[in-house]
N, C-alpha and C. Protein backbone atom coordinates (compact mmCIF):
# COMPACT_ATOMS: atom_id res chain seq x y z
N MET A 1 -4.06 17.63 -1.09
CA MET A 1 -3.12 17.23 -2.09
C MET A 1 -3.50 17.77 -3.40
N ALA A 2 -2.47 17.99 -4.19
CA ALA A 2 -2.77 18.64 -5.48
C ALA A 2 -2.00 17.81 -6.57
N PHE A 3 -2.73 17.44 -7.82
CA PHE A 3 -2.02 16.84 -8.79
C PHE A 3 -1.88 17.95 -9.89
N MET A 4 -0.48 18.11 -10.20
CA MET A 4 -0.30 19.06 -11.17
C MET A 4 0.22 18.54 -12.52
N GLU A 5 -0.43 18.90 -13.72
CA GLU A 5 -0.07 18.12 -14.83
C GLU A 5 0.86 19.16 -15.56
N ARG A 6 1.94 18.52 -16.11
CA ARG A 6 3.02 19.30 -16.91
C ARG A 6 3.28 18.66 -18.22
N PRO A 7 3.69 19.44 -19.14
CA PRO A 7 4.24 18.72 -20.37
C PRO A 7 5.54 18.18 -19.93
N ILE A 8 6.00 17.08 -20.55
CA ILE A 8 7.17 16.27 -20.22
C ILE A 8 8.49 17.34 -20.22
N PRO A 9 8.58 18.27 -21.12
CA PRO A 9 9.91 19.05 -20.96
C PRO A 9 10.07 19.76 -19.79
N THR A 10 9.00 20.16 -19.21
CA THR A 10 9.08 20.84 -17.85
C THR A 10 8.82 20.06 -16.60
N LEU A 11 8.69 18.75 -16.82
CA LEU A 11 8.48 17.93 -15.60
C LEU A 11 9.61 17.86 -14.74
N SER A 12 9.69 18.07 -13.56
CA SER A 12 10.84 18.07 -12.72
C SER A 12 10.64 17.06 -11.59
N THR A 13 11.74 16.89 -10.82
CA THR A 13 11.68 15.81 -9.76
C THR A 13 11.31 16.51 -8.49
N LYS A 14 11.27 17.77 -8.51
CA LYS A 14 10.94 18.57 -7.16
C LYS A 14 9.42 18.79 -7.06
N SER A 15 8.93 18.74 -5.87
CA SER A 15 7.51 18.98 -5.73
C SER A 15 7.28 19.53 -4.36
N GLY A 16 6.30 20.29 -4.15
CA GLY A 16 6.01 20.75 -2.71
C GLY A 16 5.24 19.75 -1.97
N HIS A 17 4.85 20.24 -0.81
CA HIS A 17 4.18 19.49 0.11
C HIS A 17 2.88 19.00 -0.45
N ARG A 18 2.38 17.91 -0.39
CA ARG A 18 1.26 17.29 -0.98
C ARG A 18 1.04 17.49 -2.33
N CYS A 19 2.03 17.74 -3.21
CA CYS A 19 1.74 17.97 -4.64
C CYS A 19 2.44 16.76 -5.35
N VAL A 20 1.72 16.31 -6.37
CA VAL A 20 2.25 15.20 -7.16
C VAL A 20 2.34 15.68 -8.62
N ARG A 21 3.58 15.66 -9.23
CA ARG A 21 3.56 16.05 -10.61
C ARG A 21 3.49 14.94 -11.60
N LEU A 22 2.64 15.20 -12.59
CA LEU A 22 2.38 14.11 -13.68
C LEU A 22 2.50 14.71 -14.90
N THR A 23 2.83 13.87 -16.03
CA THR A 23 2.71 14.35 -17.35
C THR A 23 1.26 14.55 -17.67
N ASN A 24 0.98 15.50 -18.73
CA ASN A 24 -0.43 15.73 -19.13
C ASN A 24 -1.27 14.36 -19.28
N TRP A 25 -0.50 13.43 -19.98
CA TRP A 25 -1.28 12.17 -20.33
C TRP A 25 -1.56 11.30 -19.30
N ASP A 26 -0.62 11.21 -18.22
CA ASP A 26 -0.84 10.46 -16.94
C ASP A 26 -1.86 11.09 -16.11
N ALA A 27 -2.02 12.47 -16.04
CA ALA A 27 -3.02 13.22 -15.34
C ALA A 27 -4.45 12.73 -15.89
N GLU A 28 -4.45 12.84 -17.18
CA GLU A 28 -5.86 12.45 -17.77
C GLU A 28 -6.16 11.06 -17.58
N GLU A 29 -5.18 10.14 -17.48
CA GLU A 29 -5.43 8.78 -17.17
C GLU A 29 -6.17 8.62 -15.66
N LEU A 30 -5.27 9.29 -14.75
CA LEU A 30 -5.55 9.20 -13.48
C LEU A 30 -7.06 9.78 -13.14
N ALA A 31 -7.28 10.74 -13.85
CA ALA A 31 -8.44 11.42 -13.60
C ALA A 31 -9.68 10.50 -14.05
N GLY A 32 -9.55 9.72 -14.98
CA GLY A 32 -10.51 8.82 -15.22
C GLY A 32 -10.68 7.62 -14.44
N MET A 33 -9.79 7.48 -13.34
CA MET A 33 -9.81 6.36 -12.58
C MET A 33 -10.15 6.59 -11.22
N VAL A 34 -10.19 7.93 -10.74
CA VAL A 34 -10.46 8.11 -9.35
C VAL A 34 -11.59 9.41 -9.32
N LYS A 35 -12.11 9.41 -8.24
CA LYS A 35 -13.21 10.54 -8.06
C LYS A 35 -12.85 11.32 -6.77
N PRO A 36 -13.38 12.64 -6.78
CA PRO A 36 -13.06 13.49 -5.71
C PRO A 36 -13.38 12.93 -4.51
N GLY A 37 -12.53 13.11 -3.38
CA GLY A 37 -12.73 12.43 -2.20
C GLY A 37 -12.13 11.08 -1.93
N VAL A 38 -11.73 10.50 -2.91
CA VAL A 38 -11.00 9.05 -2.78
C VAL A 38 -9.80 9.22 -1.87
N VAL A 39 -9.58 8.22 -1.08
CA VAL A 39 -8.40 8.17 -0.02
C VAL A 39 -7.18 7.72 -0.91
N VAL A 40 -6.16 8.49 -0.79
CA VAL A 40 -4.84 8.05 -1.49
C VAL A 40 -3.89 7.90 -0.38
N ARG A 41 -3.18 6.76 -0.51
CA ARG A 41 -1.99 6.33 0.46
C ARG A 41 -0.81 6.42 -0.32
N PHE A 42 0.25 7.21 0.12
CA PHE A 42 1.47 7.04 -0.39
C PHE A 42 2.43 6.34 0.47
N VAL A 43 3.16 5.24 -0.26
CA VAL A 43 4.11 4.54 0.67
C VAL A 43 5.51 4.82 -0.16
N ASN A 44 6.40 5.02 0.85
CA ASN A 44 7.81 5.34 0.28
C ASN A 44 8.58 4.10 0.40
């Protein structure tokens, strides 16, 4: 899975397989909360 940070004007609702698009500030906050290898579960 990849987390892709984007400035808000170019943030879109579409994403590829295993990609999560975040604003730059949300990506920075998330990076401070998790470490590489952590298990992430997505619930629809």
